[in-house]
Amino acid sequence: MAFLFEYGLFLAKAVTIVIAVGAIIVLVVGASQKPKSKSGEIEVKDLSAQLAETKEEFLHQTLDKKALKAHLKASKKESEEKPEKKTFVVDFLGSIDANEVASLREEVTAILTIANKEKDQVLVNVESGGGVVHGYGLAASQLNRIKQAGLPLTISVDKVAASGGYMMACVADKIVAAPFAIVGSIGVLAQIPNFNKILKKNDVEFEQITAGEYKRTLTMFGENTEQGRNKFKGEVEHTHTLFKQFVAEHRPHMDIDKVATGEHWFAMHAKEFDLVDEIKTSDDLLLELNESHQLYKVKYKTKKALAERFGLGLSVVAEKFGIKMLSRIQTSNL
């Protein structure tokens, strides 16, 4: 037992030294190189091939030998040529700050470089409850690039496209939504806490210096004025007006004053107000398009830096070869 203990301790120390040396090498290499911005690459997945594979797997498990043989024989006679028409599929899962727009702009650019406006189209699956105005404004503008290029654009909503999410959706030629998907919420929200009373109670003074009458309308720590509140409310109302104009421009048949109240609806009800065009899930839509189009999912993936990849590799090595064992040995000696 003493021999095993000594051997385990030696092995753990050896691995620790190797990892330490590796970490030093990473730091030296990283320091010797100029900082570079992270780059990424476009990943394309053949959804049509994936659907065909799923179908074949299912048939192999459900058909008897005779039926399967007949199916395989018939499949060989079918043409293996892919349809000339293509549908490029993009997923947008939006957060409050809409940082996903960085990937969206890369995906849109990639599609525009190869798409044929006479044959191809774009499907974007949007899932977002909205967020910052400037972020979702840019996301909607990225989708509008597709329209400006002459490519048909469909937006699919399975769960939610509300507020900024609906700002994106309304750009499309057609909005398809699952029955209980949430859409709408054409409104603007701004809120800010104020701690001025707490500061006064504890004899804490707050000073804020600005240049420009409305540089700061409301503040978290100072005493807000009625003039500041009115100005801030006016800015929110102005943003709402721009939002309404944007939606009305892209969906002119909609009664914008009736729906731009900040309310949201389930899609099967929202269809009555022209907020959506068709009730259908994205899965059914893809199966339908697959009959006449070759489906490709387009995704922009950010590459990890060398140091990040090497660091991850070191952690895996450490876990496999004894760093955890060293921890157990030391604990047992207490």
C-alpha atoms as a PDB file:
ATOM      1  CA  MET A   1       0.000   0.000   0.000  1.00  0.00           C
ATOM      2  CA  ALA A   2       2.874   2.357   0.810  1.00  0.00           C
ATOM      3  CA  PHE A   3       4.333   1.715  -2.650  1.00  0.00           C
ATOM      4  CA  LEU A   4       0.994   2.501  -4.356  1.00  0.00           C
ATOM      5  CA  PHE A   5       0.648   5.668  -2.314  1.00  0.00           C
ATOM      6  CA  GLU A   6       4.159   6.848  -3.219  1.00  0.00           C
ATOM      7  CA  TYR A   7       3.618   5.948  -6.887  1.00  0.00           C
ATOM      8  CA  GLY A   8       0.296   7.815  -6.995  1.00  0.00           C
ATOM      9  CA  LEU A   9       1.857  10.879  -5.400  1.00  0.00           C
ATOM     10  CA  PHE A  10       4.777  10.780  -7.871  1.00  0.00           C
ATOM     11  CA  LEU A  11       2.412  10.445 -10.847  1.00  0.00           C
ATOM     12  CA  ALA A  12       0.248  13.329  -9.667  1.00  0.00           C
ATOM     13  CA  LYS A  13       3.299  15.579  -9.178  1.00  0.00           C
ATOM     14  CA  ALA A  14       4.639  14.645 -12.620  1.00  0.00           C
ATOM     15  CA  VAL A  15       1.360  15.531 -14.307  1.00  0.00           C
ATOM     16  CA  THR A  16       1.251  18.806 -12.384  1.00  0.00           C
ATOM     17  CA  ILE A  17       4.705  19.729 -13.682  1.00  0.00           C
ATOM     18  CA  VAL A  18       3.745  18.850 -17.274  1.00  0.00           C
ATOM     19  CA  ILE A  19       0.610  20.988 -17.078  1.00  0.00           C
ATOM     20  CA  ALA A  20       2.531  23.876 -15.527  1.00  0.00           C
ATOM     21  CA  VAL A  21       5.102  23.756 -18.328  1.00  0.00           C
ATOM     22  CA  GLY A  22       2.315  23.616 -20.906  1.00  0.00           C
ATOM     23  CA  ALA A  23       0.598  26.625 -19.357  1.00  0.00           C
ATOM     24  CA  ILE A  24       3.864  28.593 -19.470  1.00  0.00           C
ATOM     25  CA  ILE A  25       4.277  27.733 -23.163  1.00  0.00           C
ATOM     26  CA  VAL A  26       0.731  28.968 -23.883  1.00  0.00           C
ATOM     27  CA  LEU A  27       1.395  32.227 -22.052  1.00  0.00           C
ATOM     28  CA  VAL A  28       4.691  32.771 -23.887  1.00  0.00           C
ATOM     29  CA  VAL A  29       3.146  32.056 -27.285  1.00  0.00           C
ATOM     30  CA  GLY A  30       0.174  34.268 -26.501  1.00  0.00           C
ATOM     31  CA  ALA A  31       2.392  37.118 -25.347  1.00  0.00           C
ATOM     32  CA  SER A  32       4.561  36.892 -28.461  1.00  0.00           C
ATOM     33  CA  GLN A  33       1.595  37.260 -30.813  1.00  0.00           C
ATOM     34  CA  LYS A  34      -0.352  40.424 -31.469  1.00  0.00           C
ATOM     35  CA  PRO A  35      -3.930  40.348 -30.192  1.00  0.00           C
ATOM     36  CA  LYS A  36      -6.338  39.300 -32.926  1.00  0.00           C
ATOM     37  CA  SER A  37     -10.074  39.584 -33.033  1.00  0.00           C
ATOM     38  CA  LYS A  38     -11.923  36.292 -32.920  1.00  0.00           C
ATOM     39  CA  SER A  39     -12.845  34.989 -36.342  1.00  0.00           C
ATOM     40  CA  GLY A  40     -15.427  32.426 -37.272  1.00  0.00           C
ATOM     41  CA  GLU A  41     -16.692  30.330 -40.124  1.00  0.00           C
ATOM     42  CA  ILE A  42     -19.934  29.529 -41.856  1.00  0.00           C
ATOM     43  CA  GLU A  43     -21.230  26.023 -41.225  1.00  0.00           C
ATOM     44  CA  VAL A  44     -23.705  24.580 -43.746  1.00  0.00           C
ATOM     45  CA  LYS A  45     -25.832  21.545 -42.925  1.00  0.00           C
ATOM     46  CA  ASP A  46     -27.821  19.647 -45.567  1.00  0.00           C
ATOM     47  CA  LEU A  47     -31.262  19.408 -43.943  1.00  0.00           C
ATOM     48  CA  SER A  48     -32.742  17.558 -46.918  1.00  0.00           C
ATOM     49  CA  ALA A  49     -30.143  14.810 -46.542  1.00  0.00           C
ATOM     50  CA  GLN A  50     -30.846  14.687 -42.816  1.00  0.00           C
ATOM     51  CA  LEU A  51     -34.593  14.268 -43.422  1.00  0.00           C
ATOM     52  CA  ALA A  52     -33.939  11.559 -46.012  1.00  0.00           C
ATOM     53  CA  GLU A  53     -31.668   9.706 -43.573  1.00  0.00           C
ATOM     54  CA  THR A  54     -34.317   9.880 -40.849  1.00  0.00           C
ATOM     55  CA  LYS A  55     -36.913   8.492 -43.257  1.00  0.00           C
ATOM     56  CA  GLU A  56     -34.674   5.599 -44.298  1.00  0.00           C
ATOM     57  CA  GLU A  57     -33.847   4.697 -40.706  1.00  0.00           C
ATOM     58  CA  PHE A  58     -37.538   4.643 -39.827  1.00  0.00           C
ATOM     59  CA  LEU A  59     -38.433   2.485 -42.850  1.00  0.00           C
ATOM     60  CA  HIS A  60     -35.643   0.004 -42.089  1.00  0.00           C
ATOM     61  CA  GLN A  61     -37.107  -0.517 -38.637  1.00  0.00           C
ATOM     62  CA  THR A  62     -40.779  -0.697 -39.607  1.00  0.00           C
ATOM     63  CA  LEU A  63     -40.975  -2.479 -42.988  1.00  0.00           C
ATOM     64  CA  ASP A  64     -40.824  -6.252 -43.304  1.00  0.00           C
ATOM     65  CA  LYS A  65     -38.097  -7.782 -45.474  1.00  0.00           C
ATOM     66  CA  LYS A  66     -40.244  -8.011 -48.583  1.00  0.00           C
ATOM     67  CA  ALA A  67     -41.516  -4.441 -48.351  1.00  0.00           C
ATOM     68  CA  LEU A  68     -38.045  -3.128 -47.518  1.00  0.00           C
ATOM     69  CA  LYS A  69     -36.559  -4.884 -50.549  1.00  0.00           C
ATOM     70  CA  ALA A  70     -39.218  -3.344 -52.796  1.00  0.00           C
ATOM     71  CA  HIS A  71     -38.583   0.059 -51.284  1.00  0.00           C
ATOM     72  CA  LEU A  72     -34.826  -0.148 -51.829  1.00  0.00           C
ATOM     73  CA  LYS A  73     -35.390  -1.231 -55.427  1.00  0.00           C
ATOM     74  CA  ALA A  74     -37.725   1.686 -56.055  1.00  0.00           C
ATOM     75  CA  SER A  75     -35.313   4.108 -54.381  1.00  0.00           C
ATOM     76  CA  LYS A  76     -32.546   3.178 -56.802  1.00  0.00           C
ATOM     77  CA  LYS A  77     -34.720   4.205 -59.735  1.00  0.00           C
ATOM     78  CA  GLU A  78     -35.350   7.628 -58.276  1.00  0.00           C
ATOM     79  CA  SER A  79     -33.171  10.459 -59.456  1.00  0.00           C
ATOM     80  CA  GLU A  80     -30.344  11.398 -57.099  1.00  0.00           C
ATOM     81  CA  GLU A  81     -30.147  14.926 -58.466  1.00  0.00           C
ATOM     82  CA  LYS A  82     -30.869  17.654 -55.952  1.00  0.00           C
ATOM     83  CA  PRO A  83     -33.632  20.193 -56.673  1.00  0.00           C
ATOM     84  CA  GLU A  84     -32.450  23.366 -58.367  1.00  0.00           C
ATOM     85  CA  LYS A  85     -34.373  25.523 -55.903  1.00  0.00           C
ATOM     86  CA  LYS A  86     -32.780  26.094 -52.500  1.00  0.00           C
ATOM     87  CA  THR A  87     -34.112  27.262 -49.153  1.00  0.00           C
ATOM     88  CA  PHE A  88     -31.530  28.641 -46.754  1.00  0.00           C
ATOM     89  CA  VAL A  89     -32.564  28.197 -43.123  1.00  0.00           C
ATOM     90  CA  VAL A  90     -31.293  30.417 -40.314  1.00  0.00           C
ATOM     91  CA  ASP A  91     -32.084  30.232 -36.586  1.00  0.00           C
ATOM     92  CA  PHE A  92     -32.217  33.404 -34.488  1.00  0.00           C
ATOM     93  CA  LEU A  93     -32.552  32.838 -30.745  1.00  0.00           C
ATOM     94  CA  GLY A  94     -32.469  36.387 -29.425  1.00  0.00           C
ATOM     95  CA  SER A  95     -31.462  37.652 -25.985  1.00  0.00           C
ATOM     96  CA  ILE A  96     -32.300  41.022 -24.408  1.00  0.00           C
ATOM     97  CA  ASP A  97     -29.167  42.727 -25.763  1.00  0.00           C
ATOM     98  CA  ALA A  98     -29.568  41.094 -29.208  1.00  0.00           C
ATOM     99  CA  ASN A  99     -25.868  40.210 -29.364  1.00  0.00           C
ATOM    100  CA  GLU A 100     -26.838  37.356 -31.720  1.00  0.00           C
ATOM    101  CA  VAL A 101     -27.101  39.928 -34.500  1.00  0.00           C
ATOM    102  CA  ALA A 102     -23.322  39.614 -34.924  1.00  0.00           C
ATOM    103  CA  SER A 103     -23.788  36.055 -36.203  1.00  0.00           C
ATOM    104  CA  LEU A 104     -26.942  36.940 -38.130  1.00  0.00           C
ATOM    105  CA  ARG A 105     -25.159  39.539 -40.240  1.00  0.00           C
ATOM    106  CA  GLU A 106     -22.489  36.965 -41.189  1.00  0.00           C
ATOM    107  CA  GLU A 107     -25.143  34.399 -42.099  1.00  0.00           C
ATOM    108  CA  VAL A 108     -27.100  36.861 -44.212  1.00  0.00           C
ATOM    109  CA  THR A 109     -23.962  38.019 -46.016  1.00  0.00           C
ATOM    110  CA  ALA A 110     -22.955  34.422 -46.768  1.00  0.00           C
ATOM    111  CA  ILE A 111     -26.391  33.632 -48.204  1.00  0.00           C
ATOM    112  CA  LEU A 112     -26.452  36.736 -50.371  1.00  0.00           C
ATOM    113  CA  THR A 113     -23.127  35.805 -51.954  1.00  0.00           C
ATOM    114  CA  ILE A 114     -24.518  32.599 -53.491  1.00  0.00           C
ATOM    115  CA  ALA A 115     -28.330  32.780 -53.532  1.00  0.00           C
ATOM    116  CA  ASN A 116     -30.210  32.999 -56.830  1.00  0.00           C
ATOM    117  CA  LYS A 117     -33.130  35.399 -56.484  1.00  0.00           C
ATOM    118  CA  GLU A 118     -34.929  33.652 -59.356  1.00  0.00           C
ATOM    119  CA  LYS A 119     -34.972  30.257 -57.605  1.00  0.00           C
ATOM    120  CA  ASP A 120     -33.956  30.479 -53.955  1.00  0.00           C
ATOM    121  CA  GLN A 121     -35.547  31.725 -50.752  1.00  0.00           C
ATOM    122  CA  VAL A 122     -34.698  32.232 -47.082  1.00  0.00           C
ATOM    123  CA  LEU A 123     -36.436  30.935 -43.960  1.00  0.00           C
ATOM    124  CA  VAL A 124     -35.544  32.458 -40.586  1.00  0.00           C
ATOM    125  CA  ASN A 125     -36.753  30.830 -37.367  1.00  0.00           C
ATOM    126  CA  VAL A 126     -37.158  33.651 -34.865  1.00  0.00           C
ATOM    127  CA  GLU A 127     -37.458  33.108 -31.126  1.00  0.00           C
ATOM    128  CA  SER A 128     -37.267  36.254 -29.025  1.00  0.00           C
ATOM    129  CA  GLY A 129     -39.280  38.263 -26.549  1.00  0.00           C
ATOM    130  CA  GLY A 130     -37.469  41.446 -27.577  1.00  0.00           C
ATOM    131  CA  GLY A 131     -34.886  43.669 -25.973  1.00  0.00           C
ATOM    132  CA  VAL A 132     -32.871  46.795 -26.716  1.00  0.00           C
ATOM    133  CA  VAL A 133     -34.164  48.976 -29.530  1.00  0.00           C
ATOM    134  CA  HIS A 134     -30.873  49.524 -31.344  1.00  0.00           C
ATOM    135  CA  GLY A 135     -30.002  45.801 -31.252  1.00  0.00           C
ATOM    136  CA  TYR A 136     -33.299  44.580 -32.667  1.00  0.00           C
ATOM    137  CA  GLY A 137     -33.409  47.481 -35.082  1.00  0.00           C
ATOM    138  CA  LEU A 138     -30.131  46.229 -36.543  1.00  0.00           C
ATOM    139  CA  ALA A 139     -31.408  42.627 -36.587  1.00  0.00           C
ATOM    140  CA  ALA A 140     -34.494  43.729 -38.543  1.00  0.00           C
ATOM    141  CA  SER A 141     -32.240  45.655 -40.932  1.00  0.00           C
ATOM    142  CA  GLN A 142     -30.180  42.512 -41.542  1.00  0.00           C
ATOM    143  CA  LEU A 143     -33.345  40.648 -42.544  1.00  0.00           C
ATOM    144  CA  ASN A 144     -34.345  43.559 -44.749  1.00  0.00           C
ATOM    145  CA  ARG A 145     -31.096  43.041 -46.685  1.00  0.00           C
ATOM    146  CA  ILE A 146     -32.568  39.725 -47.848  1.00  0.00           C
ATOM    147  CA  LYS A 147     -35.689  41.495 -49.115  1.00  0.00           C
ATOM    148  CA  GLN A 148     -33.651  44.211 -50.802  1.00  0.00           C
ATOM    149  CA  ALA A 149     -31.684  41.514 -52.640  1.00  0.00           C
ATOM    150  CA  GLY A 150     -34.929  40.219 -54.144  1.00  0.00           C
ATOM    151  CA  LEU A 151     -35.033  36.946 -52.211  1.00  0.00           C
ATOM    152  CA  PRO A 152     -38.373  35.764 -50.769  1.00  0.00           C
ATOM    153  CA  LEU A 153     -38.205  35.805 -46.966  1.00  0.00           C
ATOM    154  CA  THR A 154     -40.343  33.738 -44.602  1.00  0.00           C
ATOM    155  CA  ILE A 155     -40.260  34.065 -40.824  1.00  0.00           C
ATOM    156  CA  SER A 156     -41.276  31.083 -38.716  1.00  0.00           C
ATOM    157  CA  VAL A 157     -42.268  31.481 -35.069  1.00  0.00           C
ATOM    158  CA  ASP A 158     -42.664  28.366 -32.938  1.00  0.00           C
ATOM    159  CA  LYS A 159     -42.622  29.968 -29.476  1.00  0.00           C
ATOM    160  CA  VAL A 160     -42.369  33.745 -29.322  1.00  0.00           C
ATOM    161  CA  ALA A 161     -41.671  36.767 -31.513  1.00  0.00           C
ATOM    162  CA  ALA A 162     -42.742  39.703 -29.412  1.00  0.00           C
ATOM    163  CA  SER A 163     -41.652  43.345 -29.279  1.00  0.00           C
ATOM    164  CA  GLY A 164     -38.189  43.401 -30.908  1.00  0.00           C
ATOM    165  CA  GLY A 165     -38.803  39.826 -32.050  1.00  0.00           C
ATOM    166  CA  TYR A 166     -41.896  40.978 -33.912  1.00  0.00           C
ATOM    167  CA  MET A 167     -39.963  43.935 -35.313  1.00  0.00           C
ATOM    168  CA  MET A 168     -37.808  41.313 -37.010  1.00  0.00           C
ATOM    169  CA  ALA A 169     -40.738  39.130 -38.065  1.00  0.00           C
ATOM    170  CA  CYS A 170     -42.762  41.900 -39.702  1.00  0.00           C
ATOM    171  CA  VAL A 171     -40.027  42.408 -42.317  1.00  0.00           C
ATOM    172  CA  ALA A 172     -40.864  39.051 -43.931  1.00  0.00           C
ATOM    173  CA  ASP A 173     -42.995  38.419 -46.986  1.00  0.00           C
ATOM    174  CA  LYS A 174     -44.805  35.810 -44.920  1.00  0.00           C
ATOM    175  CA  ILE A 175     -45.020  35.061 -41.194  1.00  0.00           C
ATOM    176  CA  VAL A 176     -45.792  31.462 -40.239  1.00  0.00           C
ATOM    177  CA  ALA A 177     -46.452  30.685 -36.583  1.00  0.00           C
ATOM    178  CA  ALA A 178     -47.381  27.709 -34.407  1.00  0.00           C
ATOM    179  CA  PRO A 179     -50.907  27.966 -32.921  1.00  0.00           C
ATOM    180  CA  PHE A 180     -49.804  28.980 -29.432  1.00  0.00           C
ATOM    181  CA  ALA A 181     -46.775  31.033 -30.408  1.00  0.00           C
ATOM    182  CA  ILE A 182     -46.785  34.489 -28.795  1.00  0.00           C
ATOM    183  CA  VAL A 183     -46.592  37.449 -31.168  1.00  0.00           C
ATOM    184  CA  GLY A 184     -47.159  41.199 -31.047  1.00  0.00           C
ATOM    185  CA  SER A 185     -46.243  43.366 -28.072  1.00  0.00           C
ATOM    186  CA  ILE A 186     -45.756  46.387 -30.335  1.00  0.00           C
ATOM    187  CA  GLY A 187     -44.826  48.748 -27.550  1.00  0.00           C
ATOM    188  CA  VAL A 188     -41.876  50.268 -25.713  1.00  0.00           C
ATOM    189  CA  LEU A 189     -40.848  49.789 -22.093  1.00  0.00           C
ATOM    190  CA  ALA A 190     -38.324  51.827 -20.105  1.00  0.00           C
ATOM    191  CA  GLN A 191     -37.815  51.589 -16.362  1.00  0.00           C
ATOM    192  CA  ILE A 192     -35.205  52.754 -13.880  1.00  0.00           C
ATOM    193  CA  PRO A 193     -34.973  52.441 -10.074  1.00  0.00           C
ATOM    194  CA  ASN A 194     -34.321  55.519  -7.941  1.00  0.00           C
ATOM    195  CA  PHE A 195     -32.403  55.356  -4.655  1.00  0.00           C
ATOM    196  CA  ASN A 196     -32.464  59.058  -3.816  1.00  0.00           C
ATOM    197  CA  LYS A 197     -34.658  58.680  -0.720  1.00  0.00           C
ATOM    198  CA  ILE A 198     -32.372  55.980   0.692  1.00  0.00           C
ATOM    199  CA  LEU A 199     -29.331  58.203   0.142  1.00  0.00           C
ATOM    200  CA  LYS A 200     -31.016  61.156   1.865  1.00  0.00           C
ATOM    201  CA  LYS A 201     -32.062  58.985   4.789  1.00  0.00           C
ATOM    202  CA  ASN A 202     -28.440  57.963   5.290  1.00  0.00           C
ATOM    203  CA  ASP A 203     -27.074  61.504   4.764  1.00  0.00           C
ATOM    204  CA  VAL A 204     -25.357  60.558   1.499  1.00  0.00           C
ATOM    205  CA  GLU A 205     -25.019  63.340  -1.037  1.00  0.00           C
ATOM    206  CA  PHE A 206     -25.087  62.664  -4.769  1.00  0.00           C
ATOM    207  CA  GLU A 207     -23.677  65.058  -7.336  1.00  0.00           C
ATOM    208  CA  GLN A 208     -24.057  64.842 -11.093  1.00  0.00           C
ATOM    209  CA  ILE A 209     -22.682  67.345 -13.567  1.00  0.00           C
ATOM    210  CA  THR A 210     -24.000  67.493 -17.117  1.00  0.00           C
ATOM    211  CA  ALA A 211     -23.660  69.787 -20.105  1.00  0.00           C
ATOM    212  CA  GLY A 212     -26.835  70.041 -22.151  1.00  0.00           C
ATOM    213  CA  GLU A 213     -30.330  70.517 -20.779  1.00  0.00           C
ATOM    214  CA  TYR A 214     -31.446  66.951 -21.449  1.00  0.00           C
ATOM    215  CA  LYS A 215     -28.158  65.064 -21.232  1.00  0.00           C
ATOM    216  CA  ARG A 216     -29.667  63.158 -18.310  1.00  0.00           C
ATOM    217  CA  THR A 217     -33.431  63.189 -17.845  1.00  0.00           C
ATOM    218  CA  LEU A 218     -33.881  60.530 -15.143  1.00  0.00           C
ATOM    219  CA  THR A 219     -31.217  59.307 -12.750  1.00  0.00           C
ATOM    220  CA  MET A 220     -30.854  56.395 -10.329  1.00  0.00           C
ATOM    221  CA  PHE A 221     -29.360  58.378  -7.449  1.00  0.00           C
ATOM    222  CA  GLY A 222     -30.375  62.004  -7.889  1.00  0.00           C
ATOM    223  CA  GLU A 223     -33.774  63.596  -7.314  1.00  0.00           C
ATOM    224  CA  ASN A 224     -35.824  63.328 -10.501  1.00  0.00           C
ATOM    225  CA  THR A 225     -37.845  66.315 -11.685  1.00  0.00           C
ATOM    226  CA  GLU A 226     -41.215  66.476 -13.414  1.00  0.00           C
ATOM    227  CA  GLN A 227     -39.518  68.122 -16.372  1.00  0.00           C
ATOM    228  CA  GLY A 228     -37.086  65.197 -16.664  1.00  0.00           C
ATOM    229  CA  ARG A 229     -39.931  62.667 -16.416  1.00  0.00           C
ATOM    230  CA  ASN A 230     -41.921  64.391 -19.162  1.00  0.00           C
ATOM    231  CA  LYS A 231     -38.897  64.504 -21.436  1.00  0.00           C
ATOM    232  CA  PHE A 232     -38.135  60.842 -20.827  1.00  0.00           C
ATOM    233  CA  LYS A 233     -41.761  59.889 -21.482  1.00  0.00           C
ATOM    234  CA  GLY A 234     -41.666  61.892 -24.702  1.00  0.00           C
ATOM    235  CA  GLU A 235     -38.617  59.942 -25.862  1.00  0.00           C
ATOM    236  CA  VAL A 236     -40.380  56.644 -25.143  1.00  0.00           C
ATOM    237  CA  GLU A 237     -43.469  57.805 -27.051  1.00  0.00           C
ATOM    238  CA  HIS A 238     -41.297  58.848 -29.994  1.00  0.00           C
ATOM    239  CA  THR A 239     -39.653  55.413 -30.070  1.00  0.00           C
ATOM    240  CA  HIS A 240     -43.107  53.800 -30.048  1.00  0.00           C
ATOM    241  CA  THR A 241     -44.178  55.978 -32.979  1.00  0.00           C
ATOM    242  CA  LEU A 242     -41.140  54.863 -34.986  1.00  0.00           C
ATOM    243  CA  PHE A 243     -41.881  51.223 -34.093  1.00  0.00           C
ATOM    244  CA  LYS A 244     -45.477  51.596 -35.307  1.00  0.00           C
ATOM    245  CA  GLN A 245     -44.354  53.235 -38.536  1.00  0.00           C
ATOM    246  CA  PHE A 246     -41.856  50.450 -39.159  1.00  0.00           C
ATOM    247  CA  VAL A 247     -44.458  47.702 -38.705  1.00  0.00           C
ATOM    248  CA  ALA A 248     -47.077  49.554 -40.770  1.00  0.00           C
ATOM    249  CA  GLU A 249     -44.596  50.003 -43.617  1.00  0.00           C
ATOM    250  CA  HIS A 250     -43.917  46.270 -43.836  1.00  0.00           C
ATOM    251  CA  ARG A 251     -47.499  45.105 -43.157  1.00  0.00           C
ATOM    252  CA  PRO A 252     -49.665  47.822 -44.723  1.00  0.00           C
ATOM    253  CA  HIS A 253     -52.931  45.833 -44.511  1.00  0.00           C
ATOM    254  CA  MET A 254     -52.732  45.752 -40.720  1.00  0.00           C
ATOM    255  CA  ASP A 255     -54.766  48.139 -38.557  1.00  0.00           C
ATOM    256  CA  ILE A 256     -51.672  49.383 -36.732  1.00  0.00           C
ATOM    257  CA  ASP A 257     -53.539  51.508 -34.152  1.00  0.00           C
ATOM    258  CA  LYS A 258     -55.557  48.465 -33.114  1.00  0.00           C
ATOM    259  CA  VAL A 259     -52.546  46.204 -32.528  1.00  0.00           C
ATOM    260  CA  ALA A 260     -49.829  48.644 -31.421  1.00  0.00           C
ATOM    261  CA  THR A 261     -51.077  48.778 -27.837  1.00  0.00           C
ATOM    262  CA  GLY A 262     -48.255  46.733 -26.315  1.00  0.00           C
ATOM    263  CA  GLU A 263     -50.508  43.672 -26.090  1.00  0.00           C
ATOM    264  CA  HIS A 264     -49.471  40.223 -27.248  1.00  0.00           C
ATOM    265  CA  TRP A 265     -51.588  37.407 -28.658  1.00  0.00           C
ATOM    266  CA  PHE A 266     -51.392  33.705 -29.389  1.00  0.00           C
ATOM    267  CA  ALA A 267     -50.850  33.185 -33.105  1.00  0.00           C
ATOM    268  CA  MET A 268     -54.232  31.605 -33.848  1.00  0.00           C
ATOM    269  CA  HIS A 269     -55.860  34.762 -32.463  1.00  0.00           C
ATOM    270  CA  ALA A 270     -53.238  37.105 -33.899  1.00  0.00           C
ATOM    271  CA  LYS A 271     -54.071  35.876 -37.414  1.00  0.00           C
ATOM    272  CA  GLU A 272     -57.366  37.747 -37.140  1.00  0.00           C
ATOM    273  CA  PHE A 273     -55.394  41.006 -36.791  1.00  0.00           C
ATOM    274  CA  ASP A 274     -53.032  40.177 -39.682  1.00  0.00           C
ATOM    275  CA  LEU A 275     -50.073  39.827 -37.313  1.00  0.00           C
ATOM    276  CA  VAL A 276     -49.339  36.420 -38.870  1.00  0.00           C
ATOM    277  CA  ASP A 277     -50.233  34.910 -42.231  1.00  0.00           C
ATOM    278  CA  GLU A 278     -50.372  31.178 -41.636  1.00  0.00           C
ATOM    279  CA  ILE A 279     -50.731  28.806 -38.681  1.00  0.00           C
ATOM    280  CA  LYS A 280     -48.100  26.111 -38.987  1.00  0.00           C
ATOM    281  CA  THR A 281     -45.032  24.858 -37.124  1.00  0.00           C
ATOM    282  CA  SER A 282     -41.547  25.211 -38.580  1.00  0.00           C
ATOM    283  CA  ASP A 283     -41.332  21.399 -38.783  1.00  0.00           C
ATOM    284  CA  ASP A 284     -44.353  21.168 -41.076  1.00  0.00           C
ATOM    285  CA  LEU A 285     -43.062  24.089 -43.114  1.00  0.00           C
ATOM    286  CA  LEU A 286     -39.692  22.382 -43.656  1.00  0.00           C
ATOM    287  CA  LEU A 287     -41.339  19.129 -44.725  1.00  0.00           C
ATOM    288  CA  GLU A 288     -43.477  21.059 -47.170  1.00  0.00           C
ATOM    289  CA  LEU A 289     -40.529  22.980 -48.622  1.00  0.00           C
ATOM    290  CA  ASN A 290     -38.458  19.809 -48.851  1.00  0.00           C
ATOM    291  CA  GLU A 291     -40.780  18.555 -51.586  1.00  0.00           C
ATOM    292  CA  SER A 292     -39.545  21.198 -54.016  1.00  0.00           C
ATOM    293  CA  HIS A 293     -36.424  22.750 -52.471  1.00  0.00           C
ATOM    294  CA  GLN A 294     -33.023  21.635 -51.273  1.00  0.00           C
ATOM    295  CA  LEU A 295     -32.811  22.723 -47.634  1.00  0.00           C
ATOM    296  CA  TYR A 296     -29.598  24.072 -46.146  1.00  0.00           C
ATOM    297  CA  LYS A 297     -29.154  25.337 -42.598  1.00  0.00           C
ATOM    298  CA  VAL A 298     -26.657  28.186 -42.392  1.00  0.00           C
ATOM    299  CA  LYS A 299     -24.917  28.955 -39.101  1.00  0.00           C
ATOM    300  CA  TYR A 300     -21.988  31.207 -38.237  1.00  0.00           C
ATOM    301  CA  LYS A 301     -19.713  29.641 -35.613  1.00  0.00           C
ATOM    302  CA  THR A 302     -17.012  31.562 -33.777  1.00  0.00           C
ATOM    303  CA  LYS A 303     -13.628  29.871 -33.640  1.00  0.00           C
ATOM    304  CA  LYS A 304     -11.924  29.492 -30.273  1.00  0.00           C
ATOM    305  CA  ALA A 305      -8.487  31.016 -29.865  1.00  0.00           C
ATOM    306  CA  LEU A 306      -5.470  28.678 -29.737  1.00  0.00           C
ATOM    307  CA  ALA A 307      -4.883  29.427 -26.061  1.00  0.00           C
ATOM    308  CA  GLU A 308      -8.522  28.587 -25.252  1.00  0.00           C
ATOM    309  CA  ARG A 309      -8.376  25.288 -27.125  1.00  0.00           C
ATOM    310  CA  PHE A 310      -5.016  24.368 -25.571  1.00  0.00           C
ATOM    311  CA  GLY A 311      -6.204  25.335 -22.125  1.00  0.00           C
ATOM    312  CA  LEU A 312      -9.258  23.121 -22.505  1.00  0.00           C
ATOM    313  CA  GLY A 313      -7.027  20.263 -23.628  1.00  0.00           C
ATOM    314  CA  LEU A 314      -4.828  20.685 -20.561  1.00  0.00           C
ATOM    315  CA  SER A 315      -7.822  20.531 -18.249  1.00  0.00           C
ATOM    316  CA  VAL A 316      -8.957  17.273 -19.860  1.00  0.00           C
ATOM    317  CA  VAL A 317      -5.470  15.794 -19.535  1.00  0.00           C
ATOM    318  CA  ALA A 318      -5.301  16.863 -15.909  1.00  0.00           C
ATOM    319  CA  GLU A 319      -8.586  15.234 -15.123  1.00  0.00           C
ATOM    320  CA  LYS A 320      -7.633  11.976 -16.826  1.00  0.00           C
ATOM    321  CA  PHE A 321      -4.131  11.578 -15.462  1.00  0.00           C
ATOM    322  CA  GLY A 322      -4.247  12.321 -11.820  1.00  0.00           C
ATOM    323  CA  ILE A 323      -4.861  15.877 -10.627  1.00  0.00           C
ATOM    324  CA  LYS A 324      -8.021  14.644  -8.939  1.00  0.00           C
ATOM    325  CA  MET A 325      -6.015  11.734  -7.495  1.00  0.00           C
ATOM    326  CA  LEU A 326      -3.538  14.190  -5.969  1.00  0.00           C
ATOM    327  CA  SER A 327      -6.412  15.964  -4.257  1.00  0.00           C
ATOM    328  CA  ARG A 328      -7.711  12.693  -2.803  1.00  0.00           C
ATOM    329  CA  ILE A 329      -4.241  11.647  -1.557  1.00  0.00           C
ATOM    330  CA  GLN A 330      -3.648  14.943   0.199  1.00  0.00           C
ATOM    331  CA  THR A 331      -7.070  14.820   1.815  1.00  0.00           C
ATOM    332  CA  SER A 332      -6.464  11.319   3.104  1.00  0.00           C
ATOM    333  CA  ASN A 333      -3.328  12.507   4.889  1.00  0.00           C
ATOM    334  CA  LEU A 334      -5.139  15.053   7.018  1.00  0.00           C
END
